[in-house]
Structure formats: C-alpha cells, structure tokens
Amino acid sequence: MQEFWVFGYGSLMWRPGFAHRQKIPALLHGMNRRLCVYSYVHRGTETNPGLVLGLDRGGACHGVAFQVEAENWQDTLAYLRAREQVTNVYLEARRKITLRGQTPRAVEAITYIVDRTHRQYAGTLPVQEQRAIVRRSVGQSGPNPDYVLSTLAQLREMGIRDENLEAVAAGL
C-alpha cells in the first residue's frame, strides 16, 4: 500500500484510538453495518453477551476513513489487532473504499469484517431481541447502550441514517 487507510463503521468512527493524519467520510460497497456480533469482552461477557456492529455481506456502508502516516502504520495495525481481534470474530481485510471528500476517489483500506463461521456471529436478529441484548449488557469498554447511542450520534452528525440502529436505540 502506498497510502495507509483504515475504514471505521462503528466505534472506530468516534473513538479511533490511534494517530491519524486525516479523517474523511467514506463508502464501502458490498458490505453493510449490522448489529450481528455477540460481544464477550468490550460490551458484554461470555455469560451475558452484548451486541456490537460487524460488517456483513451485501449492500453498502457509509463510515469514516482514517489516513495514517507511514511511520505510524505498524503501531496502528498492532493497536487495531489488539482491539478488534481480541476473540477473532473479525477478519482483517483490505477493501476498496471511496473517499467522500471534495474530490471522491478510491483507495484501499484495512477494515474488520465479521467471520460468519465464528460462534459470536449473531446473524440477523429481530429489533426487539437486539434491543433487549443491548439494554442488559456491560463489558470492559462500558455499557452496551452507550456504544449504540455513540455510534448513532456519530452517524447523525455525518448525515447518515441507519434505520436499524435508530429502531434499536428508540427503546434504550
């Protein structure tokens, strides 16, 4: 990679945790944001799992691209792997994304896609079940409702509507 980019679609959008040169709205085709991952660490426990976002196949996902300086790339990857791969429910992948800045352009970015074969893959759950799981769960990174509401606030700030997150958040 000549440029180093990270695509965020959940908590990375509002809490990246790594140094970056710039942050630009971006679009990933072929994947969609979904509350489809049981969280055993960050927003729940193994005995009381939370529910967090994953990139799942189909559709498109609006998110954020972070450009990382070359000298920070290895440290950024190490940080992301420690954060996102704690239970290996995500697959690290390089995907083409479209930067939505003043001059849209395609770049390659690292992102984390849900592993549909992993035991933490929740699939598509009814909104009421998603809300019930989120409402009752807490993990190392805090209450699960805070995660959903913070992600939703970031999306709204960017002018992005996520009907499923809106429906889940309506009852929190």
C-alpha atoms as a PDB file:
ATOM      1  CA  MET A   1       0.000   0.000   0.000  1.00  0.00           C
ATOM      2  CA  GLN A   2       1.318   3.440  -0.933  1.00  0.00           C
ATOM      3  CA  GLU A   3      -1.110   5.225   1.372  1.00  0.00           C
ATOM      4  CA  PHE A   4      -2.310   3.801   4.652  1.00  0.00           C
ATOM      5  CA  TRP A   5      -6.044   3.927   5.386  1.00  0.00           C
ATOM      6  CA  VAL A   6      -8.348   2.401   7.996  1.00  0.00           C
ATOM      7  CA  PHE A   7     -12.115   2.151   7.411  1.00  0.00           C
ATOM      8  CA  GLY A   8     -14.280   2.551  10.514  1.00  0.00           C
ATOM      9  CA  TYR A   9     -18.014   1.861  10.657  1.00  0.00           C
ATOM     10  CA  GLY A  10     -18.713   1.556  14.411  1.00  0.00           C
ATOM     11  CA  SER A  11     -16.799   2.730  17.454  1.00  0.00           C
ATOM     12  CA  LEU A  12     -13.690   3.437  15.379  1.00  0.00           C
ATOM     13  CA  MET A  13     -15.618   6.380  13.893  1.00  0.00           C
ATOM     14  CA  TRP A  14     -15.959   8.152  17.252  1.00  0.00           C
ATOM     15  CA  ARG A  15     -13.098   6.590  19.232  1.00  0.00           C
ATOM     16  CA  PRO A  16     -10.305   5.587  16.836  1.00  0.00           C
ATOM     17  CA  GLY A  17      -7.575   5.396  19.484  1.00  0.00           C
ATOM     18  CA  PHE A  18      -4.694   5.853  17.033  1.00  0.00           C
ATOM     19  CA  ALA A  19      -2.874   8.804  15.479  1.00  0.00           C
ATOM     20  CA  HIS A  20      -4.159   9.766  12.062  1.00  0.00           C
ATOM     21  CA  ARG A  21      -3.382  12.451   9.526  1.00  0.00           C
ATOM     22  CA  GLN A  22      -6.954  12.988   8.390  1.00  0.00           C
ATOM     23  CA  LYS A  23     -10.484  11.661   8.808  1.00  0.00           C
ATOM     24  CA  ILE A  24     -12.768  11.585   5.743  1.00  0.00           C
ATOM     25  CA  PRO A  25     -16.288  10.206   5.196  1.00  0.00           C
ATOM     26  CA  ALA A  26     -16.062   7.051   3.098  1.00  0.00           C
ATOM     27  CA  LEU A  27     -18.214   4.408   1.436  1.00  0.00           C
ATOM     28  CA  LEU A  28     -17.613   0.660   1.219  1.00  0.00           C
ATOM     29  CA  HIS A  29     -19.628  -1.270  -1.370  1.00  0.00           C
ATOM     30  CA  GLY A  30     -20.594  -4.913  -0.908  1.00  0.00           C
ATOM     31  CA  MET A  31     -20.813  -4.839   2.903  1.00  0.00           C
ATOM     32  CA  ASN A  32     -23.306  -3.408   5.391  1.00  0.00           C
ATOM     33  CA  ARG A  33     -23.157  -2.337   9.029  1.00  0.00           C
ATOM     34  CA  ARG A  34     -25.198  -4.638  11.287  1.00  0.00           C
ATOM     35  CA  LEU A  35     -25.538  -5.440  14.996  1.00  0.00           C
ATOM     36  CA  CYS A  36     -24.509  -9.030  14.304  1.00  0.00           C
ATOM     37  CA  VAL A  37     -21.658  -9.783  16.725  1.00  0.00           C
ATOM     38  CA  TYR A  38     -22.097 -11.077  20.264  1.00  0.00           C
ATOM     39  CA  SER A  39     -19.589  -9.143  22.375  1.00  0.00           C
ATOM     40  CA  TYR A  40     -17.853 -11.223  25.046  1.00  0.00           C
ATOM     41  CA  VAL A  41     -15.332  -8.552  26.070  1.00  0.00           C
ATOM     42  CA  HIS A  42     -15.914  -4.893  25.130  1.00  0.00           C
ATOM     43  CA  ARG A  43     -19.706  -4.591  25.571  1.00  0.00           C
ATOM     44  CA  GLY A  44     -20.664  -7.834  27.287  1.00  0.00           C
ATOM     45  CA  THR A  45     -19.317 -11.048  28.772  1.00  0.00           C
ATOM     46  CA  GLU A  46     -19.416 -14.668  27.724  1.00  0.00           C
ATOM     47  CA  THR A  47     -22.229 -15.315  30.221  1.00  0.00           C
ATOM     48  CA  ASN A  48     -24.109 -12.115  29.297  1.00  0.00           C
ATOM     49  CA  PRO A  49     -23.046 -11.167  25.760  1.00  0.00           C
ATOM     50  CA  GLY A  50     -23.567  -7.707  24.383  1.00  0.00           C
ATOM     51  CA  LEU A  51     -24.217  -6.917  20.743  1.00  0.00           C
ATOM     52  CA  VAL A  52     -21.867  -4.881  18.564  1.00  0.00           C
ATOM     53  CA  LEU A  53     -21.537  -3.963  14.931  1.00  0.00           C
ATOM     54  CA  GLY A  54     -19.927  -6.022  12.234  1.00  0.00           C
ATOM     55  CA  LEU A  55     -19.523  -5.587   8.518  1.00  0.00           C
ATOM     56  CA  ASP A  56     -21.657  -8.269   6.894  1.00  0.00           C
ATOM     57  CA  ARG A  57     -22.096  -9.062   3.241  1.00  0.00           C
ATOM     58  CA  GLY A  58     -24.406  -7.154   0.952  1.00  0.00           C
ATOM     59  CA  GLY A  59     -25.341  -3.532   0.389  1.00  0.00           C
ATOM     60  CA  ALA A  60     -23.056  -0.623   1.173  1.00  0.00           C
ATOM     61  CA  CYS A  61     -21.735   1.008   4.319  1.00  0.00           C
ATOM     62  CA  HIS A  62     -21.063   4.685   4.983  1.00  0.00           C
ATOM     63  CA  GLY A  63     -18.301   5.189   7.502  1.00  0.00           C
ATOM     64  CA  VAL A  64     -15.035   7.019   8.074  1.00  0.00           C
ATOM     65  CA  ALA A  65     -11.595   6.589   6.529  1.00  0.00           C
ATOM     66  CA  PHE A  66      -8.543   7.478   8.585  1.00  0.00           C
ATOM     67  CA  GLN A  67      -5.272   8.177   6.826  1.00  0.00           C
ATOM     68  CA  VAL A  68      -2.290   7.005   8.865  1.00  0.00           C
ATOM     69  CA  GLU A  69       1.276   8.209   8.364  1.00  0.00           C
ATOM     70  CA  ALA A  70       3.680   5.525   7.115  1.00  0.00           C
ATOM     71  CA  GLU A  71       5.835   5.776  10.238  1.00  0.00           C
ATOM     72  CA  ASN A  72       2.768   5.023  12.418  1.00  0.00           C
ATOM     73  CA  TRP A  73       1.359   2.196  10.304  1.00  0.00           C
ATOM     74  CA  GLN A  74       2.858  -0.795  12.144  1.00  0.00           C
ATOM     75  CA  ASP A  75       1.892   0.608  15.546  1.00  0.00           C
ATOM     76  CA  THR A  76      -1.623   1.326  14.254  1.00  0.00           C
ATOM     77  CA  LEU A  77      -2.009  -2.221  12.937  1.00  0.00           C
ATOM     78  CA  ALA A  78      -0.789  -3.658  16.243  1.00  0.00           C
ATOM     79  CA  TYR A  79      -3.291  -1.473  18.128  1.00  0.00           C
ATOM     80  CA  LEU A  80      -6.181  -2.415  15.813  1.00  0.00           C
ATOM     81  CA  ARG A  81      -5.392  -6.115  16.024  1.00  0.00           C
ATOM     82  CA  ALA A  82      -5.317  -5.978  19.823  1.00  0.00           C
ATOM     83  CA  ARG A  83      -8.624  -4.077  19.877  1.00  0.00           C
ATOM     84  CA  GLU A  84     -10.563  -5.794  17.087  1.00  0.00           C
ATOM     85  CA  GLN A  85      -9.145  -9.318  17.202  1.00  0.00           C
ATOM     86  CA  VAL A  86      -9.474  -9.999  20.932  1.00  0.00           C
ATOM     87  CA  THR A  87     -11.727 -13.038  20.229  1.00  0.00           C
ATOM     88  CA  ASN A  88     -11.028 -13.351  16.474  1.00  0.00           C
ATOM     89  CA  VAL A  89     -14.654 -12.735  15.485  1.00  0.00           C
ATOM     90  CA  TYR A  90     -13.467 -10.283  12.804  1.00  0.00           C
ATOM     91  CA  LEU A  91     -11.375 -10.955   9.731  1.00  0.00           C
ATOM     92  CA  GLU A  92      -8.840  -8.272   8.880  1.00  0.00           C
ATOM     93  CA  ALA A  93      -9.326  -7.392   5.229  1.00  0.00           C
ATOM     94  CA  ARG A  94      -8.196  -4.903   2.632  1.00  0.00           C
ATOM     95  CA  ARG A  95     -11.091  -3.406   0.721  1.00  0.00           C
ATOM     96  CA  LYS A  96     -11.530  -0.652  -1.833  1.00  0.00           C
ATOM     97  CA  ILE A  97     -13.420   2.278  -0.362  1.00  0.00           C
ATOM     98  CA  THR A  98     -14.488   5.587  -1.854  1.00  0.00           C
ATOM     99  CA  LEU A  99     -13.351   8.681  -0.015  1.00  0.00           C
ATOM    100  CA  ARG A 100     -16.234  11.154   0.033  1.00  0.00           C
ATOM    101  CA  GLY A 101     -14.193  14.348   0.340  1.00  0.00           C
ATOM    102  CA  GLN A 102     -14.216  17.302  -2.047  1.00  0.00           C
ATOM    103  CA  THR A 103     -12.831  15.074  -4.791  1.00  0.00           C
ATOM    104  CA  PRO A 104     -14.125  11.495  -4.367  1.00  0.00           C
ATOM    105  CA  ARG A 105     -11.509   8.842  -5.041  1.00  0.00           C
ATOM    106  CA  ALA A 106     -10.963   5.147  -4.427  1.00  0.00           C
ATOM    107  CA  VAL A 107      -8.298   3.868  -2.018  1.00  0.00           C
ATOM    108  CA  GLU A 108      -7.532   0.581  -0.334  1.00  0.00           C
ATOM    109  CA  ALA A 109      -8.167   0.394   3.408  1.00  0.00           C
ATOM    110  CA  ILE A 110      -7.856  -2.068   6.256  1.00  0.00           C
ATOM    111  CA  THR A 111     -11.190  -2.934   7.822  1.00  0.00           C
ATOM    112  CA  TYR A 112     -12.653  -5.642  10.004  1.00  0.00           C
ATOM    113  CA  ILE A 113     -15.365  -7.931   8.612  1.00  0.00           C
ATOM    114  CA  VAL A 114     -17.414 -10.348  10.707  1.00  0.00           C
ATOM    115  CA  ASP A 115     -16.465 -14.016  10.407  1.00  0.00           C
ATOM    116  CA  ARG A 116     -19.821 -15.662   9.714  1.00  0.00           C
ATOM    117  CA  THR A 117     -18.454 -19.040  10.881  1.00  0.00           C
ATOM    118  CA  HIS A 118     -17.435 -17.729  14.322  1.00  0.00           C
ATOM    119  CA  ARG A 119     -19.569 -18.693  17.339  1.00  0.00           C
ATOM    120  CA  GLN A 120     -20.048 -14.986  18.144  1.00  0.00           C
ATOM    121  CA  TYR A 121     -21.771 -14.300  14.816  1.00  0.00           C
ATOM    122  CA  ALA A 122     -25.373 -13.437  15.717  1.00  0.00           C
ATOM    123  CA  GLY A 123     -26.738 -13.115  12.190  1.00  0.00           C
ATOM    124  CA  THR A 124     -29.863 -11.040  11.686  1.00  0.00           C
ATOM    125  CA  LEU A 125     -31.825 -10.739  14.932  1.00  0.00           C
ATOM    126  CA  PRO A 126     -35.244  -9.080  15.324  1.00  0.00           C
ATOM    127  CA  VAL A 127     -35.059  -5.472  16.549  1.00  0.00           C
ATOM    128  CA  GLN A 128     -36.752  -6.332  19.867  1.00  0.00           C
ATOM    129  CA  GLU A 129     -34.138  -9.019  20.585  1.00  0.00           C
ATOM    130  CA  GLN A 130     -31.281  -6.677  19.609  1.00  0.00           C
ATOM    131  CA  ARG A 131     -32.661  -4.017  21.951  1.00  0.00           C
ATOM    132  CA  ALA A 132     -33.073  -6.469  24.851  1.00  0.00           C
ATOM    133  CA  ILE A 133     -29.486  -7.707  24.499  1.00  0.00           C
ATOM    134  CA  VAL A 134     -28.077  -4.187  24.229  1.00  0.00           C
ATOM    135  CA  ARG A 135     -30.123  -2.897  27.170  1.00  0.00           C
ATOM    136  CA  ARG A 136     -28.849  -5.513  29.639  1.00  0.00           C
ATOM    137  CA  SER A 137     -25.173  -5.811  28.642  1.00  0.00           C
ATOM    138  CA  VAL A 138     -21.971  -4.272  30.024  1.00  0.00           C
ATOM    139  CA  GLY A 139     -18.356  -5.117  29.183  1.00  0.00           C
ATOM    140  CA  GLN A 140     -14.814  -3.865  29.696  1.00  0.00           C
ATOM    141  CA  SER A 141     -15.458  -0.827  27.477  1.00  0.00           C
ATOM    142  CA  GLY A 142     -18.702   0.095  29.235  1.00  0.00           C
ATOM    143  CA  PRO A 143     -22.471  -0.302  28.883  1.00  0.00           C
ATOM    144  CA  ASN A 144     -23.721  -1.644  25.566  1.00  0.00           C
ATOM    145  CA  PRO A 145     -26.348   1.137  25.185  1.00  0.00           C
ATOM    146  CA  ASP A 146     -23.542   3.742  25.269  1.00  0.00           C
ATOM    147  CA  TYR A 147     -21.887   2.016  22.287  1.00  0.00           C
ATOM    148  CA  VAL A 148     -25.079   2.026  20.215  1.00  0.00           C
ATOM    149  CA  LEU A 149     -26.015   5.598  21.132  1.00  0.00           C
ATOM    150  CA  SER A 150     -22.495   6.949  20.499  1.00  0.00           C
ATOM    151  CA  THR A 151     -22.337   5.252  17.105  1.00  0.00           C
ATOM    152  CA  LEU A 152     -25.766   6.593  16.222  1.00  0.00           C
ATOM    153  CA  ALA A 153     -24.766  10.115  17.305  1.00  0.00           C
ATOM    154  CA  GLN A 154     -21.684   9.950  15.049  1.00  0.00           C
ATOM    155  CA  LEU A 155     -23.769   8.747  12.105  1.00  0.00           C
ATOM    156  CA  ARG A 156     -26.307  11.526  12.629  1.00  0.00           C
ATOM    157  CA  GLU A 157     -23.511  14.094  12.814  1.00  0.00           C
ATOM    158  CA  MET A 158     -22.323  12.815   9.429  1.00  0.00           C
ATOM    159  CA  GLY A 159     -25.847  12.971   7.987  1.00  0.00           C
ATOM    160  CA  ILE A 160     -26.118   9.178   7.726  1.00  0.00           C
ATOM    161  CA  ARG A 161     -29.345   7.401   8.584  1.00  0.00           C
ATOM    162  CA  ASP A 162     -29.208   3.836   9.917  1.00  0.00           C
ATOM    163  CA  GLU A 163     -32.771   2.630  10.335  1.00  0.00           C
ATOM    164  CA  ASN A 164     -31.878  -0.469  12.335  1.00  0.00           C
ATOM    165  CA  LEU A 165     -29.721   1.407  14.859  1.00  0.00           C
ATOM    166  CA  GLU A 166     -32.462   4.045  15.115  1.00  0.00           C
ATOM    167  CA  ALA A 167     -35.031   1.320  15.888  1.00  0.00           C
ATOM    168  CA  VAL A 168     -32.793  -0.377  18.482  1.00  0.00           C
ATOM    169  CA  ALA A 169     -31.931   2.955  20.134  1.00  0.00           C
ATOM    170  CA  ALA A 170     -35.599   4.026  20.301  1.00  0.00           C
ATOM    171  CA  GLY A 171     -36.178   1.743  23.279  1.00  0.00           C
ATOM    172  CA  LEU A 172     -32.940   2.253  25.201  1.00  0.00           C
END
